N, C-alpha and C. Protein backbone atom coordinates (compact mmCIF):
# COMPACT_ATOMS: atom_id res chain seq x y z
N GLU A 1 -52.73 18.55 -64.78
CA GLU A 1 -51.58 17.77 -64.38
C GLU A 1 -50.32 18.66 -64.34
N ALA A 2 -50.16 19.55 -65.27
CA ALA A 2 -49.03 20.47 -65.28
C ALA A 2 -49.10 21.36 -64.04
N LEU A 3 -50.29 21.82 -63.74
CA LEU A 3 -50.47 22.65 -62.55
C LEU A 3 -50.13 21.85 -61.29
N GLN A 4 -50.49 20.59 -61.29
CA GLN A 4 -50.19 19.73 -60.15
C GLN A 4 -48.67 19.59 -59.99
N ARG A 5 -47.94 19.44 -61.09
CA ARG A 5 -46.48 19.33 -61.02
C ARG A 5 -45.86 20.64 -60.52
N ILE A 6 -46.38 21.76 -60.98
CA ILE A 6 -45.88 23.06 -60.54
C ILE A 6 -46.13 23.23 -59.04
N ILE A 7 -47.31 22.85 -58.60
CA ILE A 7 -47.64 22.95 -57.16
C ILE A 7 -46.73 22.02 -56.37
N SER A 8 -46.51 20.83 -56.89
CA SER A 8 -45.64 19.87 -56.20
C SER A 8 -44.20 20.40 -56.15
N THR A 9 -43.74 20.99 -57.24
CA THR A 9 -42.40 21.55 -57.28
C THR A 9 -42.28 22.72 -56.30
N LEU A 10 -43.32 23.58 -56.26
CA LEU A 10 -43.33 24.69 -55.31
C LEU A 10 -43.31 24.19 -53.87
N ALA A 11 -44.07 23.16 -53.60
CA ALA A 11 -44.11 22.59 -52.25
C ALA A 11 -42.74 22.04 -51.88
N ASN A 12 -42.08 21.35 -52.83
CA ASN A 12 -40.73 20.81 -52.58
C ASN A 12 -39.73 21.94 -52.34
N LYS A 13 -39.83 22.97 -53.16
CA LYS A 13 -38.93 24.12 -52.98
C LYS A 13 -39.18 24.81 -51.64
N ASN A 14 -40.45 24.91 -51.24
CA ASN A 14 -40.76 25.48 -49.92
C ASN A 14 -40.13 24.64 -48.81
N ASP A 15 -40.21 23.31 -48.96
CA ASP A 15 -39.58 22.42 -47.97
C ASP A 15 -38.06 22.63 -47.95
N GLU A 16 -37.46 22.74 -49.15
CA GLU A 16 -36.01 22.98 -49.23
C GLU A 16 -35.64 24.31 -48.58
N ILE A 17 -36.44 25.34 -48.87
CA ILE A 17 -36.17 26.65 -48.26
C ILE A 17 -36.32 26.58 -46.74
N GLN A 18 -37.37 25.88 -46.28
CA GLN A 18 -37.57 25.73 -44.83
C GLN A 18 -36.41 24.98 -44.20
N ASN A 19 -35.95 23.91 -44.87
CA ASN A 19 -34.78 23.16 -44.37
C ASN A 19 -33.54 24.05 -44.35
N PHE A 20 -33.36 24.88 -45.40
CA PHE A 20 -32.22 25.78 -45.45
C PHE A 20 -32.31 26.82 -44.33
N ILE A 21 -33.50 27.35 -44.08
CA ILE A 21 -33.72 28.29 -42.98
C ILE A 21 -33.39 27.63 -41.65
N ASP A 22 -33.84 26.39 -41.47
CA ASP A 22 -33.53 25.66 -40.23
C ASP A 22 -32.03 25.47 -40.08
N THR A 23 -31.35 25.14 -41.19
CA THR A 23 -29.89 24.98 -41.16
C THR A 23 -29.22 26.30 -40.79
N LEU A 24 -29.69 27.40 -41.40
CA LEU A 24 -29.13 28.72 -41.09
C LEU A 24 -29.35 29.08 -39.62
N ASN A 25 -30.54 28.82 -39.13
CA ASN A 25 -30.83 29.10 -37.71
C ASN A 25 -29.94 28.27 -36.79
N HIS A 26 -29.77 27.01 -37.15
CA HIS A 26 -28.90 26.14 -36.35
C HIS A 26 -27.45 26.64 -36.41
N THR A 27 -26.99 27.02 -37.58
CA THR A 27 -25.63 27.55 -37.75
C THR A 27 -25.46 28.85 -36.97
N LEU A 28 -26.47 29.73 -37.06
CA LEU A 28 -26.43 31.00 -36.33
C LEU A 28 -26.35 30.75 -34.83
N LYS A 29 -27.15 29.83 -34.34
CA LYS A 29 -27.11 29.50 -32.91
C LYS A 29 -25.72 28.97 -32.53
N GLY A 30 -25.15 28.12 -33.38
CA GLY A 30 -23.80 27.59 -33.11
C GLY A 30 -22.75 28.69 -33.09
N VAL A 31 -22.84 29.62 -34.05
CA VAL A 31 -21.89 30.74 -34.09
C VAL A 31 -22.01 31.58 -32.83
N GLN A 32 -23.25 31.85 -32.40
CA GLN A 32 -23.45 32.65 -31.19
C GLN A 32 -22.92 31.94 -29.95
N GLU A 33 -23.17 30.64 -29.85
CA GLU A 33 -22.67 29.88 -28.70
C GLU A 33 -21.14 29.82 -28.71
N ASN A 34 -20.56 29.56 -29.88
CA ASN A 34 -19.09 29.49 -29.99
C ASN A 34 -18.46 30.84 -29.66
N SER A 35 -19.06 31.91 -30.18
CA SER A 35 -18.53 33.24 -29.88
C SER A 35 -18.60 33.54 -28.40
N SER A 36 -19.71 33.19 -27.78
CA SER A 36 -19.87 33.40 -26.35
C SER A 36 -18.83 32.61 -25.55
N ASN A 37 -18.62 31.36 -25.95
CA ASN A 37 -17.62 30.52 -25.27
C ASN A 37 -16.21 31.09 -25.44
N ILE A 38 -15.90 31.53 -26.67
CA ILE A 38 -14.57 32.08 -26.93
C ILE A 38 -14.37 33.37 -26.15
N LEU A 39 -15.40 34.22 -26.08
CA LEU A 39 -15.29 35.45 -25.29
C LEU A 39 -15.08 35.16 -23.81
N SER A 40 -15.77 34.15 -23.30
CA SER A 40 -15.58 33.76 -21.89
C SER A 40 -14.16 33.26 -21.66
N GLU A 41 -13.68 32.42 -22.56
CA GLU A 41 -12.31 31.91 -22.44
C GLU A 41 -11.30 33.06 -22.53
N LEU A 42 -11.56 34.01 -23.43
CA LEU A 42 -10.68 35.16 -23.58
C LEU A 42 -10.66 36.00 -22.30
N ASP A 43 -11.84 36.22 -21.72
CA ASP A 43 -11.91 36.95 -20.45
C ASP A 43 -11.11 36.24 -19.36
N GLU A 44 -11.27 34.92 -19.27
CA GLU A 44 -10.53 34.15 -18.27
C GLU A 44 -9.02 34.26 -18.50
N GLU A 45 -8.61 34.17 -19.76
CA GLU A 45 -7.19 34.24 -20.09
C GLU A 45 -6.61 35.61 -19.72
N PHE A 46 -7.34 36.67 -20.06
CA PHE A 46 -6.86 38.01 -19.73
C PHE A 46 -6.89 38.25 -18.23
N ASP A 47 -7.89 37.73 -17.53
CA ASP A 47 -7.90 37.84 -16.07
C ASP A 47 -6.67 37.17 -15.47
N SER A 48 -6.33 36.01 -16.02
CA SER A 48 -5.14 35.31 -15.55
C SER A 48 -3.88 36.12 -15.83
N LEU A 49 -3.80 36.71 -17.03
CA LEU A 49 -2.64 37.53 -17.38
C LEU A 49 -2.56 38.77 -16.49
N TYR A 50 -3.70 39.40 -16.23
CA TYR A 50 -3.71 40.57 -15.35
C TYR A 50 -3.23 40.19 -13.95
N SER A 51 -3.65 39.02 -13.50
CA SER A 51 -3.22 38.55 -12.17
C SER A 51 -1.70 38.35 -12.14
N ILE A 52 -1.18 37.74 -13.19
CA ILE A 52 0.27 37.52 -13.26
C ILE A 52 0.99 38.87 -13.31
N LEU A 53 0.48 39.79 -14.12
CA LEU A 53 1.10 41.11 -14.22
C LEU A 53 1.05 41.85 -12.88
N ASP A 54 -0.07 41.72 -12.17
CA ASP A 54 -0.17 42.35 -10.85
C ASP A 54 0.87 41.78 -9.89
N ASP A 55 1.07 40.46 -9.95
CA ASP A 55 2.08 39.83 -9.09
C ASP A 55 3.48 40.32 -9.44
N VAL A 56 3.76 40.40 -10.74
CA VAL A 56 5.08 40.88 -11.18
C VAL A 56 5.26 42.34 -10.76
N LYS A 57 4.21 43.14 -10.93
CA LYS A 57 4.27 44.55 -10.54
C LYS A 57 4.55 44.67 -9.05
N GLU A 58 3.82 43.90 -8.24
CA GLU A 58 4.01 43.95 -6.79
C GLU A 58 5.44 43.57 -6.42
N SER A 59 5.96 42.54 -7.06
CA SER A 59 7.34 42.12 -6.80
C SER A 59 8.33 43.22 -7.17
N MET A 60 8.12 43.85 -8.33
CA MET A 60 9.02 44.91 -8.77
C MET A 60 8.94 46.13 -7.85
N VAL A 61 7.72 46.47 -7.43
CA VAL A 61 7.55 47.61 -6.52
C VAL A 61 8.26 47.33 -5.21
N ASN A 62 8.12 46.11 -4.69
CA ASN A 62 8.80 45.74 -3.44
C ASN A 62 10.31 45.81 -3.60
N SER A 63 10.82 45.33 -4.73
CA SER A 63 12.26 45.38 -4.97
C SER A 63 12.76 46.81 -5.02
N ILE A 64 12.01 47.66 -5.70
CA ILE A 64 12.40 49.07 -5.80
C ILE A 64 12.37 49.73 -4.43
N LYS A 65 11.34 49.46 -3.65
CA LYS A 65 11.24 50.06 -2.31
C LYS A 65 12.38 49.57 -1.41
N GLN A 66 12.70 48.29 -1.49
CA GLN A 66 13.80 47.76 -0.69
C GLN A 66 15.12 48.40 -1.10
N GLU A 67 15.33 48.53 -2.39
CA GLU A 67 16.57 49.14 -2.89
C GLU A 67 16.63 50.61 -2.47
N GLN A 68 15.51 51.28 -2.55
CA GLN A 68 15.45 52.69 -2.12
C GLN A 68 15.80 52.80 -0.64
N ALA A 69 15.22 51.91 0.19
CA ALA A 69 15.50 51.94 1.62
C ALA A 69 16.97 51.66 1.89
N ARG A 70 17.54 50.68 1.19
CA ARG A 70 18.95 50.33 1.38
C ARG A 70 19.85 51.51 1.00
N LYS A 71 19.58 52.10 -0.16
CA LYS A 71 20.40 53.22 -0.61
C LYS A 71 20.21 54.44 0.28
N SER A 72 18.98 54.68 0.72
CA SER A 72 18.73 55.82 1.61
C SER A 72 19.47 55.64 2.93
N GLN A 73 19.45 54.41 3.47
CA GLN A 73 20.15 54.14 4.72
C GLN A 73 21.65 54.35 4.55
N GLU A 74 22.19 53.86 3.44
CA GLU A 74 23.62 54.01 3.18
C GLU A 74 23.98 55.49 3.04
N LEU A 75 23.15 56.25 2.31
CA LEU A 75 23.42 57.67 2.14
C LEU A 75 23.29 58.43 3.46
N GLN A 76 22.32 58.04 4.30
CA GLN A 76 22.17 58.67 5.62
C GLN A 76 23.40 58.40 6.47
N SER A 77 23.91 57.16 6.38
CA SER A 77 25.12 56.81 7.12
C SER A 77 26.30 57.64 6.64
N GLN A 78 26.45 57.77 5.33
CA GLN A 78 27.55 58.57 4.79
C GLN A 78 27.39 60.04 5.17
N LEU A 79 26.16 60.53 5.14
CA LEU A 79 25.89 61.91 5.52
C LEU A 79 26.26 62.15 6.97
N SER A 80 25.90 61.22 7.83
CA SER A 80 26.24 61.33 9.25
C SER A 80 27.75 61.33 9.45
N GLN A 81 28.44 60.44 8.76
CA GLN A 81 29.90 60.38 8.87
C GLN A 81 30.53 61.67 8.38
N CYS A 82 30.01 62.21 7.28
CA CYS A 82 30.56 63.47 6.75
C CYS A 82 30.30 64.63 7.71
N ASN A 83 29.12 64.66 8.30
CA ASN A 83 28.82 65.72 9.27
C ASN A 83 29.75 65.62 10.48
N ASN A 84 30.00 64.40 10.94
CA ASN A 84 30.92 64.22 12.08
C ASN A 84 32.34 64.64 11.69
N ALA A 85 32.75 64.26 10.48
CA ALA A 85 34.10 64.63 10.03
C ALA A 85 34.21 66.15 9.91
N LEU A 86 33.18 66.79 9.40
CA LEU A 86 33.18 68.25 9.28
C LEU A 86 33.24 68.90 10.65
N GLU A 87 32.48 68.38 11.59
CA GLU A 87 32.49 68.93 12.95
C GLU A 87 33.88 68.80 13.57
N ASN A 88 34.49 67.61 13.41
CA ASN A 88 35.84 67.40 13.94
C ASN A 88 36.84 68.32 13.26
N SER A 89 36.68 68.48 11.95
CA SER A 89 37.59 69.35 11.20
C SER A 89 37.45 70.80 11.66
N GLU A 90 36.22 71.23 11.91
CA GLU A 90 36.00 72.61 12.37
C GLU A 90 36.63 72.82 13.76
N GLU A 91 36.50 71.79 14.62
CA GLU A 91 37.12 71.89 15.96
C GLU A 91 38.64 71.96 15.83
N LEU A 92 39.19 71.13 14.95
CA LEU A 92 40.63 71.13 14.75
C LEU A 92 41.09 72.47 14.18
N LEU A 93 40.34 73.02 13.25
CA LEU A 93 40.67 74.31 12.66
C LEU A 93 40.63 75.41 13.73
N GLU A 94 39.61 75.36 14.58
CA GLU A 94 39.51 76.34 15.66
C GLU A 94 40.68 76.20 16.63
N PHE A 95 41.03 74.96 16.96
CA PHE A 95 42.16 74.70 17.86
C PHE A 95 43.46 75.21 17.23
N ALA A 96 43.64 74.90 15.93
CA ALA A 96 44.87 75.33 15.25
C ALA A 96 44.95 76.86 15.20
N THR A 97 43.82 77.50 14.96
CA THR A 97 43.81 78.96 14.90
C THR A 97 44.15 79.56 16.26
N ARG A 98 43.60 78.99 17.33
CA ARG A 98 43.93 79.48 18.68
C ARG A 98 45.39 79.21 19.01
N SER A 99 45.90 78.08 18.52
CA SER A 99 47.29 77.73 18.81
C SER A 99 48.25 78.72 18.18
N LEU A 100 47.88 79.30 17.05
CA LEU A 100 48.74 80.29 16.40
C LEU A 100 48.93 81.54 17.27
N ASP A 101 47.95 81.80 18.12
CA ASP A 101 48.02 82.99 18.98
C ASP A 101 48.90 82.77 20.21
N ILE A 102 49.28 81.52 20.49
CA ILE A 102 50.09 81.23 21.67
C ILE A 102 51.53 81.61 21.37
N LYS A 103 52.09 82.42 22.25
CA LYS A 103 53.45 82.93 22.04
C LYS A 103 54.50 82.11 22.80
N GLU A 104 54.15 81.56 23.92
CA GLU A 104 55.13 80.89 24.78
C GLU A 104 55.15 79.38 24.52
N PRO A 105 56.33 78.79 24.39
CA PRO A 105 56.47 77.36 24.10
C PRO A 105 55.85 76.48 25.19
N GLU A 106 55.98 76.84 26.46
CA GLU A 106 55.40 76.02 27.53
C GLU A 106 53.89 75.95 27.43
N GLU A 107 53.30 77.08 27.20
CA GLU A 107 51.84 77.13 27.09
C GLU A 107 51.39 76.33 25.86
N PHE A 108 52.17 76.44 24.77
CA PHE A 108 51.86 75.70 23.55
C PHE A 108 51.90 74.20 23.81
N SER A 109 52.91 73.73 24.55
CA SER A 109 53.04 72.31 24.89
C SER A 109 51.84 71.85 25.71
N LYS A 110 51.40 72.68 26.68
CA LYS A 110 50.24 72.32 27.51
C LYS A 110 48.98 72.18 26.64
N VAL A 111 48.81 73.10 25.72
CA VAL A 111 47.63 73.07 24.86
C VAL A 111 47.64 71.82 23.99
N ILE A 112 48.84 71.51 23.45
CA ILE A 112 48.97 70.31 22.61
C ILE A 112 48.64 69.07 23.42
N LYS A 113 49.16 68.95 24.65
CA LYS A 113 48.89 67.80 25.51
C LYS A 113 47.41 67.69 25.84
N SER A 114 46.80 68.83 26.14
CA SER A 114 45.38 68.80 26.46
C SER A 114 44.55 68.41 25.24
N TYR A 115 45.01 68.80 24.07
CA TYR A 115 44.27 68.41 22.86
C TYR A 115 44.39 66.93 22.61
N LYS A 116 45.57 66.36 22.85
CA LYS A 116 45.76 64.93 22.65
C LYS A 116 44.87 64.13 23.60
N THR A 117 44.73 64.59 24.83
CA THR A 117 43.88 63.86 25.77
C THR A 117 42.39 64.08 25.43
N TYR A 118 42.08 65.19 24.79
CA TYR A 118 40.72 65.51 24.39
C TYR A 118 40.26 64.60 23.23
N THR A 119 41.19 64.36 22.31
CA THR A 119 40.81 63.55 21.14
C THR A 119 41.09 62.13 21.47
């Protein structure tokens, strides 16, 4: 009878261990499924963030390119104006230098008149 109780107790403990193993397996499966779901959600969230960042980057790149084009155009315009002013200044300097060589007042007056009609 004592042996029967020991066998019965062992059988009960085996059932308890089997139930605990089943619980652990079920818990492990739940942890794996939850982790997989969370990783998928995390991937989706980061994909969404990357998409937003790409949009912001594209917008910033476009803004920078537009600003660069605007500033380049303005600087080209200023450069052109400066080159024209320098060319005019060089012509005026050449004219003034030639005018210094004129000795006669009549000839000087003619040169001045012709310069006024030229400019």
